[in-house]
C-alpha cells in the first residue's frame, strides 16, 4: 500500500482533480485546506492579536489517498498532472507517495 499526497496550488482546480480521480476509481480521498510556511511568514504582522491565518483565502488544498501499490500511486500522479499540468512547473502543486507498512480500516473498494 502507498500513501499519496497532492498539495494543489490552485484550489479552483479541486473539483477537476477529484472528478478525474473518481473516474479512475480513486474515491477514498481526504481533503483539507492548507497553507505553506512561506505564505504565513509573508503575511505575519508583529504584535498582531489574531492569527495570520484567520480571515484569509484558502492558499492550497491538500488531498491524501491510500492506494494499493506503486503502480496506482503513479496513476494518481499522472491523472493529477493531466488536469493541472506538469508539477515541475511553478504554482501547480507538489506530489509525494511512500509505502505504508501498516494500515487498518482501509477498504480496497476506495481505490
PDB file of N, CA and C in Angstrom:
ATOM      1  N   UNK A   1       0.835  -1.174   0.000  1.00  0.00           N
ATOM      2  CA  UNK A   1       0.000   0.000   0.000  1.00  0.00           C
ATOM      3  C   UNK A   1       0.883   1.241   0.000  1.00  0.00           C
ATOM      4  N   UNK A   2       0.350   2.311  -0.593  1.00  0.00           N
ATOM      5  CA  UNK A   2       1.062   3.577  -0.666  1.00  0.00           C
ATOM      6  C   UNK A   2       0.149   4.706  -0.206  1.00  0.00           C
ATOM      7  N   UNK A   3       0.741   5.680   0.479  1.00  0.00           N
ATOM      8  CA  UNK A   3       0.059   6.929   0.800  1.00  0.00           C
ATOM      9  C   UNK A   3       0.442   7.918  -0.288  1.00  0.00           C
ATOM     10  N   UNK A   4      -0.544   8.577  -0.866  1.00  0.00           N
ATOM     11  CA  UNK A   4      -0.284   9.625  -1.843  1.00  0.00           C
ATOM     12  C   UNK A   4      -0.780  10.947  -1.284  1.00  0.00           C
ATOM     13  N   UNK A   5      -0.032  11.999  -1.547  1.00  0.00           N
ATOM     14  CA  UNK A   5      -0.402  13.344  -1.106  1.00  0.00           C
ATOM     15  C   UNK A   5      -0.204  14.297  -2.279  1.00  0.00           C
ATOM     16  N   UNK A   6      -1.221  15.076  -2.555  1.00  0.00           N
ATOM     17  CA  UNK A   6      -1.138  16.124  -3.562  1.00  0.00           C
ATOM     18  C   UNK A   6      -1.466  17.447  -2.894  1.00  0.00           C
ATOM     19  N   UNK A   7      -0.519  18.371  -2.923  1.00  0.00           N
ATOM     20  CA  UNK A   7      -0.777  19.737  -2.479  1.00  0.00           C
ATOM     21  C   UNK A   7      -1.099  20.517  -3.742  1.00  0.00           C
ATOM     22  N   UNK A   8      -2.342  20.900  -3.859  1.00  0.00           N
ATOM     23  CA  UNK A   8      -2.849  21.572  -5.057  1.00  0.00           C
ATOM     24  C   UNK A   8      -2.725  23.082  -4.858  1.00  0.00           C
ATOM     25  N   UNK A   9      -1.920  23.719  -5.671  1.00  0.00           N
ATOM     26  CA  UNK A   9      -1.659  25.147  -5.504  1.00  0.00           C
ATOM     27  C   UNK A   9      -2.887  26.002  -5.797  1.00  0.00           C
ATOM     28  N   UNK A  10      -3.697  25.599  -6.756  1.00  0.00           N
ATOM     29  CA  UNK A  10      -4.884  26.376  -7.144  1.00  0.00           C
ATOM     30  C   UNK A  10      -6.142  25.662  -6.658  1.00  0.00           C
ATOM     31  N   UNK A  11      -6.739  26.113  -5.565  1.00  0.00           N
ATOM     32  CA  UNK A  11      -7.938  25.471  -5.027  1.00  0.00           C
ATOM     33  C   UNK A  11      -9.093  25.392  -6.031  1.00  0.00           C
ATOM     34  N   UNK A  12      -9.094  26.273  -7.036  1.00  0.00           N
ATOM     35  CA  UNK A  12     -10.162  26.260  -8.038  1.00  0.00           C
ATOM     36  C   UNK A  12     -10.125  24.989  -8.886  1.00  0.00           C
ATOM     37  N   UNK A  13      -9.022  24.258  -8.893  1.00  0.00           N
ATOM     38  CA  UNK A  13      -8.878  23.042  -9.697  1.00  0.00           C
ATOM     39  C   UNK A  13      -9.312  21.781  -8.952  1.00  0.00           C
ATOM     40  N   UNK A  14      -9.730  21.938  -7.698  1.00  0.00           N
ATOM     41  CA  UNK A  14     -10.073  20.777  -6.863  1.00  0.00           C
ATOM     42  C   UNK A  14     -11.108  19.871  -7.508  1.00  0.00           C
ATOM     43  N   UNK A  15     -12.219  20.423  -7.945  1.00  0.00           N
ATOM     44  CA  UNK A  15     -13.292  19.592  -8.499  1.00  0.00           C
ATOM     45  C   UNK A  15     -12.840  18.843  -9.747  1.00  0.00           C
ATOM     46  N   UNK A  16     -11.998  19.472 -10.561  1.00  0.00           N
ATOM     47  CA  UNK A  16     -11.474  18.797 -11.756  1.00  0.00           C
ATOM     48  C   UNK A  16     -10.615  17.594 -11.371  1.00  0.00           C
ATOM     49  N   UNK A  17      -9.730  17.784 -10.391  1.00  0.00           N
ATOM     50  CA  UNK A  17      -8.865  16.692  -9.946  1.00  0.00           C
ATOM     51  C   UNK A  17      -9.703  15.566  -9.353  1.00  0.00           C
ATOM     52  N   UNK A  18     -10.653  15.914  -8.498  1.00  0.00           N
ATOM     53  CA  UNK A  18     -11.492  14.887  -7.879  1.00  0.00           C
ATOM     54  C   UNK A  18     -12.293  14.103  -8.925  1.00  0.00           C
ATOM     55  N   UNK A  19     -12.834  14.802  -9.894  1.00  0.00           N
ATOM     56  CA  UNK A  19     -13.605  14.126 -10.943  1.00  0.00           C
ATOM     57  C   UNK A  19     -12.730  13.156 -11.730  1.00  0.00           C
ATOM     58  N   UNK A  20     -11.512  13.577 -12.053  1.00  0.00           N
ATOM     59  CA  UNK A  20     -10.597  12.712 -12.804  1.00  0.00           C
ATOM     60  C   UNK A  20     -10.173  11.509 -11.970  1.00  0.00           C
ATOM     61  N   UNK A  21      -9.887  11.727 -10.689  1.00  0.00           N
ATOM     62  CA  UNK A  21      -9.515  10.604  -9.819  1.00  0.00           C
ATOM     63  C   UNK A  21     -10.684   9.647  -9.656  1.00  0.00           C
ATOM     64  N   UNK A  22     -11.881  10.198  -9.457  1.00  0.00           N
ATOM     65  CA  UNK A  22     -13.057   9.341  -9.282  1.00  0.00           C
ATOM     66  C   UNK A  22     -13.311   8.507 -10.536  1.00  0.00           C
ATOM     67  N   UNK A  23     -13.143   9.100 -11.689  1.00  0.00           N
ATOM     68  CA  UNK A  23     -13.312   8.370 -12.948  1.00  0.00           C
ATOM     69  C   UNK A  23     -12.341   7.190 -13.028  1.00  0.00           C
ATOM     70  N   UNK A  24     -11.164   7.349 -12.430  1.00  0.00           N
ATOM     71  CA  UNK A  24     -10.153   6.288 -12.412  1.00  0.00           C
ATOM     72  C   UNK A  24     -10.331   5.324 -11.233  1.00  0.00           C
ATOM     73  N   UNK A  25     -11.377   5.549 -10.429  1.00  0.00           N
ATOM     74  CA  UNK A  25     -11.652   4.644  -9.326  1.00  0.00           C
ATOM     75  C   UNK A  25     -11.075   5.050  -7.985  1.00  0.00           C
ATOM     76  N   UNK A  26     -10.483   6.224  -7.901  1.00  0.00           N
ATOM     77  CA  UNK A  26      -9.944   6.726  -6.627  1.00  0.00           C
ATOM     78  C   UNK A  26     -11.051   7.519  -5.945  1.00  0.00           C
ATOM     79  N   UNK A  27     -11.685   6.927  -4.943  1.00  0.00           N
ATOM     80  CA  UNK A  27     -12.813   7.605  -4.293  1.00  0.00           C
ATOM     81  C   UNK A  27     -12.578   7.880  -2.813  1.00  0.00           C
ATOM     82  N   UNK A  28     -11.587   7.246  -2.214  1.00  0.00           N
ATOM     83  CA  UNK A  28     -11.297   7.469  -0.800  1.00  0.00           C
ATOM     84  C   UNK A  28     -10.233   8.536  -0.636  1.00  0.00           C
ATOM     85  N   UNK A  29     -10.638   9.792  -0.717  1.00  0.00           N
ATOM     86  CA  UNK A  29      -9.690  10.904  -0.661  1.00  0.00           C
ATOM     87  C   UNK A  29     -10.033  11.780   0.533  1.00  0.00           C
ATOM     88  N   UNK A  30      -9.013  12.114   1.326  1.00  0.00           N
ATOM     89  CA  UNK A  30      -9.177  13.067   2.418  1.00  0.00           C
ATOM     90  C   UNK A  30      -8.695  14.417   1.920  1.00  0.00           C
ATOM     91  N   UNK A  31      -9.481  15.460   2.177  1.00  0.00           N
ATOM     92  CA  UNK A  31      -9.217  16.786   1.621  1.00  0.00           C
ATOM     93  C   UNK A  31      -9.192  17.800   2.763  1.00  0.00           C
ATOM     94  N   UNK A  32      -8.165  18.650   2.771  1.00  0.00           N
ATOM     95  CA  UNK A  32      -8.169  19.723   3.759  1.00  0.00           C
ATOM     96  C   UNK A  32      -7.508  20.964   3.201  1.00  0.00           C
ATOM     97  N   UNK A  33      -7.910  22.113   3.732  1.00  0.00           N
ATOM     98  CA  UNK A  33      -7.320  23.384   3.349  1.00  0.00           C
ATOM     99  C   UNK A  33      -5.946  23.463   4.001  1.00  0.00           C
ATOM    100  N   UNK A  34      -4.992  24.040   3.289  1.00  0.00           N
ATOM    101  CA  UNK A  34      -3.648  24.122   3.842  1.00  0.00           C
ATOM    102  C   UNK A  34      -2.941  25.366   3.313  1.00  0.00           C
ATOM    103  N   UNK A  35      -1.857  25.705   3.969  1.00  0.00           N
ATOM    104  CA  UNK A  35      -1.010  26.784   3.511  1.00  0.00           C
ATOM    105  C   UNK A  35       0.430  26.435   3.854  1.00  0.00           C
ATOM    106  N   UNK A  36       1.351  27.105   3.234  1.00  0.00           N
ATOM    107  CA  UNK A  36       2.760  26.847   3.488  1.00  0.00           C
ATOM    108  C   UNK A  36       3.364  27.860   4.431  1.00  0.00           C
ATOM    109  N   UNK A  37       4.484  27.483   5.011  1.00  0.00           N
ATOM    110  CA  UNK A  37       5.164  28.347   5.974  1.00  0.00           C
ATOM    111  C   UNK A  37       5.557  29.687   5.345  1.00  0.00           C
ATOM    112  N   UNK A  38       6.020  29.657   4.103  1.00  0.00           N
ATOM    113  CA  UNK A  38       6.437  30.898   3.447  1.00  0.00           C
ATOM    114  C   UNK A  38       5.268  31.883   3.358  1.00  0.00           C
ATOM    115  N   UNK A  39       4.100  31.392   2.987  1.00  0.00           N
ATOM    116  CA  UNK A  39       2.949  32.292   2.855  1.00  0.00           C
ATOM    117  C   UNK A  39       2.511  32.846   4.204  1.00  0.00           C
ATOM    118  N   UNK A  40       2.595  32.024   5.239  1.00  0.00           N
ATOM    119  CA  UNK A  40       2.236  32.505   6.573  1.00  0.00           C
ATOM    120  C   UNK A  40       3.225  33.578   7.014  1.00  0.00           C
ATOM    121  N   UNK A  41       4.500  33.337   6.805  1.00  0.00           N
ATOM    122  CA  UNK A  41       5.523  34.311   7.222  1.00  0.00           C
ATOM    123  C   UNK A  41       5.411  35.616   6.435  1.00  0.00           C
ATOM    124  N   UNK A  42       5.019  35.564   5.175  1.00  0.00           N
ATOM    125  CA  UNK A  42       4.871  36.780   4.370  1.00  0.00           C
ATOM    126  C   UNK A  42       3.724  37.633   4.878  1.00  0.00           C
ATOM    127  N   UNK A  43       2.736  37.007   5.484  1.00  0.00           N
ATOM    128  CA  UNK A  43       1.580  37.755   5.989  1.00  0.00           C
ATOM    129  C   UNK A  43       1.722  38.177   7.438  1.00  0.00           C
ATOM    130  N   UNK A  44       2.711  37.658   8.131  1.00  0.00           N
ATOM    131  CA  UNK A  44       2.830  37.891   9.564  1.00  0.00           C
ATOM    132  C   UNK A  44       3.051  39.373   9.868  1.00  0.00           C
ATOM    133  N   UNK A  45       2.255  39.890  10.789  1.00  0.00           N
ATOM    134  CA  UNK A  45       2.392  41.273  11.245  1.00  0.00           C
ATOM    135  C   UNK A  45       2.745  41.213  12.725  1.00  0.00           C
ATOM    136  N   UNK A  46       3.930  41.696  13.134  1.00  0.00           N
ATOM    137  CA  UNK A  46       4.303  41.635  14.544  1.00  0.00           C
ATOM    138  C   UNK A  46       3.257  42.293  15.437  1.00  0.00           C
ATOM    139  N   UNK A  47       3.041  41.731  16.593  1.00  0.00           N
ATOM    140  CA  UNK A  47       2.109  42.231  17.606  1.00  0.00           C
ATOM    141  C   UNK A  47       0.654  42.100  17.172  1.00  0.00           C
ATOM    142  N   UNK A  48       0.385  41.305  16.180  1.00  0.00           N
ATOM    143  CA  UNK A  48      -0.992  41.100  15.759  1.00  0.00           C
ATOM    144  C   UNK A  48      -1.703  40.247  16.800  1.00  0.00           C
ATOM    145  N   UNK A  49      -2.944  40.576  17.124  1.00  0.00           N
ATOM    146  CA  UNK A  49      -3.669  39.870  18.172  1.00  0.00           C
ATOM    147  C   UNK A  49      -4.448  38.678  17.667  1.00  0.00           C
ATOM    148  N   UNK A  50      -4.650  38.575  16.370  1.00  0.00           N
ATOM    149  CA  UNK A  50      -5.339  37.411  15.823  1.00  0.00           C
ATOM    150  C   UNK A  50      -4.376  36.660  14.924  1.00  0.00           C
ATOM    151  N   UNK A  51      -4.647  35.412  14.757  1.00  0.00           N
ATOM    152  CA  UNK A  51      -3.781  34.579  13.921  1.00  0.00           C
ATOM    153  C   UNK A  51      -3.722  35.118  12.500  1.00  0.00           C
ATOM    154  N   UNK A  52      -2.558  35.055  11.868  1.00  0.00           N
ATOM    155  CA  UNK A  52      -2.465  35.488  10.468  1.00  0.00           C
ATOM    156  C   UNK A  52      -3.232  34.567   9.526  1.00  0.00           C
ATOM    157  N   UNK A  53      -3.725  33.448  10.047  1.00  0.00           N
ATOM    158  CA  UNK A  53      -4.487  32.525   9.213  1.00  0.00           C
ATOM    159  C   UNK A  53      -5.986  32.792   9.262  1.00  0.00           C
ATOM    160  N   UNK A  54      -6.413  33.689  10.121  1.00  0.00           N
ATOM    161  CA  UNK A  54      -7.835  33.999  10.250  1.00  0.00           C
ATOM    162  C   UNK A  54      -8.252  34.951   9.132  1.00  0.00           C
ATOM    163  N   UNK A  55      -9.453  34.741   8.613  1.00  0.00           N
ATOM    164  CA  UNK A  55      -9.999  35.602   7.569  1.00  0.00           C
ATOM    165  C   UNK A  55      -9.074  35.706   6.358  1.00  0.00           C
ATOM    166  N   UNK A  56      -8.675  34.592   5.856  1.00  0.00           N
ATOM    167  CA  UNK A  56      -7.806  34.567   4.697  1.00  0.00           C
ATOM    168  C   UNK A  56      -8.444  33.710   3.629  1.00  0.00           C
ATOM    169  N   UNK A  57      -7.960  33.874   2.423  1.00  0.00           N
ATOM    170  CA  UNK A  57      -8.381  32.990   1.354  1.00  0.00           C
ATOM    171  C   UNK A  57      -7.631  31.668   1.495  1.00  0.00           C
ATOM    172  N   UNK A  58      -8.202  30.608   0.994  1.00  0.00           N
ATOM    173  CA  UNK A  58      -7.536  29.315   1.021  1.00  0.00           C
ATOM    174  C   UNK A  58      -6.349  29.365   0.065  1.00  0.00           C
ATOM    175  N   UNK A  59      -5.181  28.986   0.553  1.00  0.00           N
ATOM    176  CA  UNK A  59      -3.973  29.015  -0.272  1.00  0.00           C
ATOM    177  C   UNK A  59      -3.814  27.743  -1.088  1.00  0.00           C
ATOM    178  N   UNK A  60      -3.978  26.607  -0.439  1.00  0.00           N
ATOM    179  CA  UNK A  60      -3.795  25.307  -1.079  1.00  0.00           C
ATOM    180  C   UNK A  60      -4.905  24.365  -0.640  1.00  0.00           C
ATOM    181  N   UNK A  61      -5.044  23.308  -1.384  1.00  0.00           N
ATOM    182  CA  UNK A  61      -5.871  22.184  -0.970  1.00  0.00           C
ATOM    183  C   UNK A  61      -4.943  20.968  -0.954  1.00  0.00           C
ATOM    184  N   UNK A  62      -4.951  20.227   0.132  1.00  0.00           N
ATOM    185  CA  UNK A  62      -4.141  19.019   0.229  1.00  0.00           C
ATOM    186  C   UNK A  62      -5.061  17.815   0.165  1.00  0.00           C
ATOM    187  N   UNK A  63      -4.731  16.895  -0.717  1.00  0.00           N
ATOM    188  CA  UNK A  63      -5.508  15.673  -0.906  1.00  0.00           C
ATOM    189  C   UNK A  63      -4.634  14.485  -0.527  1.00  0.00           C
ATOM    190  N   UNK A  64      -5.190  13.576   0.252  1.00  0.00           N
ATOM    191  CA  UNK A  64      -4.477  12.364   0.652  1.00  0.00           C
ATOM    192  C   UNK A  64      -5.312  11.158   0.253  1.00  0.00           C
ATOM    193  N   UNK A  65      -4.653  10.165  -0.306  1.00  0.00           N
ATOM    194  CA  UNK A  65      -5.354   8.930  -0.677  1.00  0.00           C
ATOM    195  C   UNK A  65      -4.413   7.747  -0.504  1.00  0.00           C
ATOM    196  N   UNK A  66      -4.930   6.673   0.057  1.00  0.00           N
ATOM    197  CA  UNK A  66      -4.193   5.418   0.141  1.00  0.00           C
ATOM    198  C   UNK A  66      -4.548   4.597  -1.090  1.00  0.00           C
ATOM    199  N   UNK A  67      -3.522   4.059  -1.715  1.00  0.00           N
ATOM    200  CA  UNK A  67      -3.720   3.216  -2.895  1.00  0.00           C
ATOM    201  C   UNK A  67      -2.988   1.893  -2.674  1.00  0.00           C
ATOM    202  N   UNK A  68      -3.371   0.840  -3.406  1.00  0.00           N
ATOM    203  CA  UNK A  68      -2.832  -0.484  -3.097  1.00  0.00           C
ATOM    204  C   UNK A  68      -1.374  -0.729  -3.456  1.00  0.00           C
ATOM    205  N   UNK A  69      -0.817   0.034  -4.430  1.00  0.00           N
ATOM    206  CA  UNK A  69       0.554  -0.256  -4.850  1.00  0.00           C
ATOM    207  C   UNK A  69       1.170   0.957  -5.545  1.00  0.00           C
ATOM    208  N   UNK A  70       2.462   0.829  -5.876  1.00  0.00           N
ATOM    209  CA  UNK A  70       3.179   1.935  -6.502  1.00  0.00           C
ATOM    210  C   UNK A  70       2.625   2.258  -7.887  1.00  0.00           C
ATOM    211  N   UNK A  71       2.194   1.259  -8.605  1.00  0.00           N
ATOM    212  CA  UNK A  71       1.609   1.499  -9.929  1.00  0.00           C
ATOM    213  C   UNK A  71       0.390   2.422  -9.829  1.00  0.00           C
ATOM    214  N   UNK A  72      -0.437   2.173  -8.832  1.00  0.00           N
ATOM    215  CA  UNK A  72      -1.633   3.007  -8.640  1.00  0.00           C
ATOM    216  C   UNK A  72      -1.228   4.417  -8.188  1.00  0.00           C
ATOM    217  N   UNK A  73      -0.162   4.527  -7.398  1.00  0.00           N
ATOM    218  CA  UNK A  73       0.340   5.846  -6.990  1.00  0.00           C
ATOM    219  C   UNK A  73       0.806   6.627  -8.214  1.00  0.00           C
ATOM    220  N   UNK A  74       1.492   5.963  -9.136  1.00  0.00           N
ATOM    221  CA  UNK A  74       1.909   6.605 -10.381  1.00  0.00           C
ATOM    222  C   UNK A  74       0.697   7.054 -11.201  1.00  0.00           C
ATOM    223  N   UNK A  75      -0.358   6.255 -11.175  1.00  0.00           N
ATOM    224  CA  UNK A  75      -1.589   6.614 -11.886  1.00  0.00           C
ATOM    225  C   UNK A  75      -2.206   7.875 -11.287  1.00  0.00           C
ATOM    226  N   UNK A  76      -2.231   7.959  -9.960  1.00  0.00           N
ATOM    227  CA  UNK A  76      -2.771   9.139  -9.278  1.00  0.00           C
ATOM    228  C   UNK A  76      -1.993  10.380  -9.712  1.00  0.00           C
ATOM    229  N   UNK A  77      -0.671  10.282  -9.765  1.00  0.00           N
ATOM    230  CA  UNK A  77       0.172  11.398 -10.203  1.00  0.00           C
ATOM    231  C   UNK A  77      -0.116  11.759 -11.660  1.00  0.00           C
ATOM    232  N   UNK A  78      -0.150  10.758 -12.527  1.00  0.00           N
ATOM    233  CA  UNK A  78      -0.384  11.005 -13.956  1.00  0.00           C
ATOM    234  C   UNK A  78      -1.722  11.710 -14.178  1.00  0.00           C
ATOM    235  N   UNK A  79      -2.747  11.269 -13.491  1.00  0.00           N
ATOM    236  CA  UNK A  79      -4.072  11.880 -13.636  1.00  0.00           C
ATOM    237  C   UNK A  79      -4.057  13.323 -13.131  1.00  0.00           C
ATOM    238  N   UNK A  80      -3.419  13.559 -11.983  1.00  0.00           N
ATOM    239  CA  UNK A  80      -3.342  14.918 -11.434  1.00  0.00           C
ATOM    240  C   UNK A  80      -2.641  15.846 -12.414  1.00  0.00           C
ATOM    241  N   UNK A  81      -1.516  15.388 -12.975  1.00  0.00           N
ATOM    242  CA  UNK A  81      -0.798  16.226 -13.936  1.00  0.00           C
ATOM    243  C   UNK A  81      -1.585  16.407 -15.228  1.00  0.00           C
ATOM    244  N   UNK A  82      -2.420  15.450 -15.570  1.00  0.00           N
ATOM    245  CA  UNK A  82      -3.279  15.599 -16.731  1.00  0.00           C
ATOM    246  C   UNK A  82      -4.282  16.729 -16.558  1.00  0.00           C
ATOM    247  N   UNK A  83      -4.630  17.015 -15.319  1.00  0.00           N
ATOM    248  CA  UNK A  83      -5.586  18.093 -15.028  1.00  0.00           C
ATOM    249  C   UNK A  83      -4.869  19.420 -14.817  1.00  0.00           C
ATOM    250  N   UNK A  84      -3.832  19.432 -13.969  1.00  0.00           N
ATOM    251  CA  UNK A  84      -3.234  20.712 -13.569  1.00  0.00           C
ATOM    252  C   UNK A  84      -1.916  21.031 -14.260  1.00  0.00           C
ATOM    253  N   UNK A  85      -1.369  20.084 -15.001  1.00  0.00           N
ATOM    254  CA  UNK A  85      -0.105  20.319 -15.693  1.00  0.00           C
ATOM    255  C   UNK A  85       1.072  19.710 -14.960  1.00  0.00           C
ATOM    256  N   UNK A  86       2.222  19.831 -15.553  1.00  0.00           N
ATOM    257  CA  UNK A  86       3.468  19.274 -15.028  1.00  0.00           C
ATOM    258  C   UNK A  86       3.791  19.894 -13.671  1.00  0.00           C
ATOM    259  N   UNK A  87       3.907  19.056 -12.665  1.00  0.00           N
ATOM    260  CA  UNK A  87       4.164  19.562 -11.315  1.00  0.00           C
ATOM    261  C   UNK A  87       5.569  20.127 -11.142  1.00  0.00           C
ATOM    262  N   UNK A  88       6.429  19.951 -12.113  1.00  0.00           N
ATOM    263  CA  UNK A  88       7.741  20.588 -12.012  1.00  0.00           C
ATOM    264  C   UNK A  88       7.658  22.071 -12.393  1.00  0.00           C
ATOM    265  N   UNK A  89       6.515  22.500 -12.913  1.00  0.00           N
ATOM    266  CA  UNK A  89       6.285  23.915 -13.213  1.00  0.00           C
ATOM    267  C   UNK A  89       5.853  24.642 -11.939  1.00  0.00           C
ATOM    268  N   UNK A  90       6.186  25.930 -11.817  1.00  0.00           N
ATOM    269  CA  UNK A  90       5.785  26.675 -10.617  1.00  0.00           C
ATOM    270  C   UNK A  90       4.269  26.832 -10.510  1.00  0.00           C
ATOM    271  N   UNK A  91       3.809  26.946  -9.291  1.00  0.00           N
ATOM    272  CA  UNK A  91       2.407  27.239  -8.978  1.00  0.00           C
ATOM    273  C   UNK A  91       1.439  26.179  -9.496  1.00  0.00           C
ATOM    274  N   UNK A  92       1.867  24.927  -9.495  1.00  0.00           N
ATOM    275  CA  UNK A  92       0.969  23.831  -9.865  1.00  0.00           C
ATOM    276  C   UNK A  92       0.655  22.980  -8.652  1.00  0.00           C
ATOM    277  N   UNK A  93       1.672  22.515  -7.966  1.00  0.00           N
ATOM    278  CA  UNK A  93       1.452  21.695  -6.790  1.00  0.00           C
ATOM    279  C   UNK A  93       2.663  20.844  -6.476  1.00  0.00           C
ATOM    280  N   UNK A  94       2.483  19.980  -5.496  1.00  0.00           N
ATOM    281  CA  UNK A  94       3.519  19.051  -5.060  1.00  0.00           C
ATOM    282  C   UNK A  94       2.857  17.700  -4.847  1.00  0.00           C
ATOM    283  N   UNK A  95       3.515  16.647  -5.321  1.00  0.00           N
ATOM    284  CA  UNK A  95       3.010  15.292  -5.140  1.00  0.00           C
ATOM    285  C   UNK A  95       4.072  14.473  -4.432  1.00  0.00           C
ATOM    286  N   UNK A  96       3.635  13.615  -3.520  1.00  0.00           N
ATOM    287  CA  UNK A  96       4.539  12.676  -2.857  1.00  0.00           C
ATOM    288  C   UNK A  96       3.787  11.376  -2.630  1.00  0.00           C
ATOM    289  N   UNK A  97       4.551  10.288  -2.628  1.00  0.00           N
ATOM    290  CA  UNK A  97       3.978   8.975  -2.324  1.00  0.00           C
ATOM    291  C   UNK A  97       5.028   8.155  -1.606  1.00  0.00           C
ATOM    292  N   UNK A  98       4.593   7.344  -0.666  1.00  0.00           N
ATOM    293  CA  UNK A  98       5.519   6.488   0.064  1.00  0.00           C
ATOM    294  C   UNK A  98       4.804   5.222   0.509  1.00  0.00           C
ATOM    295  N   UNK A  99       5.579   4.147   0.709  1.00  0.00           N
ATOM    296  CA  UNK A  99       4.975   2.880   1.134  1.00  0.00           C
ATOM    297  C   UNK A  99       4.428   2.976   2.561  1.00  0.00           C
ATOM    298  N   UNK A 100       3.356   2.274   2.792  1.00  0.00           N
ATOM    299  CA  UNK A 100       2.761   2.179   4.130  1.00  0.00           C
ATOM    300  C   UNK A 100       3.032   0.763   4.631  1.00  0.00           C
ATOM    301  N   UNK A 101       3.587   0.654   5.819  1.00  0.00           N
ATOM    302  CA  UNK A 101       3.882  -0.675   6.358  1.00  0.00           C
ATOM    303  C   UNK A 101       2.730  -1.247   7.175  1.00  0.00           C
ATOM    304  N   UNK A 102       1.817  -0.378   7.612  1.00  0.00           N
ATOM    305  CA  UNK A 102       0.679  -0.861   8.384  1.00  0.00           C
ATOM    306  C   UNK A 102      -0.515   0.066   8.144  1.00  0.00           C
ATOM    307  N   UNK A 103      -1.682  -0.520   7.996  1.00  0.00           N
ATOM    308  CA  UNK A 103      -2.902   0.271   7.844  1.00  0.00           C
ATOM    309  C   UNK A 103      -4.067  -0.562   8.379  1.00  0.00           C
ATOM    310  N   UNK A 104      -5.006   0.109   8.981  1.00  0.00           N
ATOM    311  CA  UNK A 104      -6.210  -0.554   9.472  1.00  0.00           C
ATOM    312  C   UNK A 104      -7.392   0.313   9.078  1.00  0.00           C
ATOM    313  N   UNK A 105      -8.434  -0.296   8.567  1.00  0.00           N
ATOM    314  CA  UNK A 105      -9.615   0.452   8.161  1.00  0.00           C
ATOM    315  C   UNK A 105      -9.638   0.829   6.697  1.00  0.00           C
ATOM    316  N   UNK A 106      -8.617   0.463   5.975  1.00  0.00           N
ATOM    317  CA  UNK A 106      -8.559   0.755   4.541  1.00  0.00           C
ATOM    318  C   UNK A 106      -9.444  -0.220   3.794  1.00  0.00           C
ATOM    319  N   UNK A 107     -10.254   0.301   2.875  1.00  0.00           N
ATOM    320  CA  UNK A 107     -11.116  -0.539   2.061  1.00  0.00           C
ATOM    321  C   UNK A 107     -10.642  -0.491   0.639  1.00  0.00           C
ATOM    322  N   UNK A 108     -10.335  -1.625   0.074  1.00  0.00           N
ATOM    323  CA  UNK A 108      -9.818  -1.658  -1.303  1.00  0.00           C
ATOM    324  C   UNK A 108     -10.801  -1.119  -2.312  1.00  0.00           C
ATOM    325  N   UNK A 109     -12.084  -1.105  -2.013  1.00  0.00           N
ATOM    326  CA  UNK A 109     -13.056  -0.553  -2.965  1.00  0.00           C
ATOM    327  C   UNK A 109     -12.950   0.969  -3.081  1.00  0.00           C
ATOM    328  N   UNK A 110     -12.154   1.613  -2.221  1.00  0.00           N
ATOM    329  CA  UNK A 110     -11.947   3.060  -2.290  1.00  0.00           C
ATOM    330  C   UNK A 110     -10.811   3.441  -3.237  1.00  0.00           C
ATOM    331  N   UNK A 111     -10.247   2.474  -3.934  1.00  0.00           N
ATOM    332  CA  UNK A 111      -9.151   2.836  -4.857  1.00  0.00           C
ATOM    333  C   UNK A 111      -9.208   1.934  -6.057  1.00  0.00           C
TER     334      UNK A 111
END
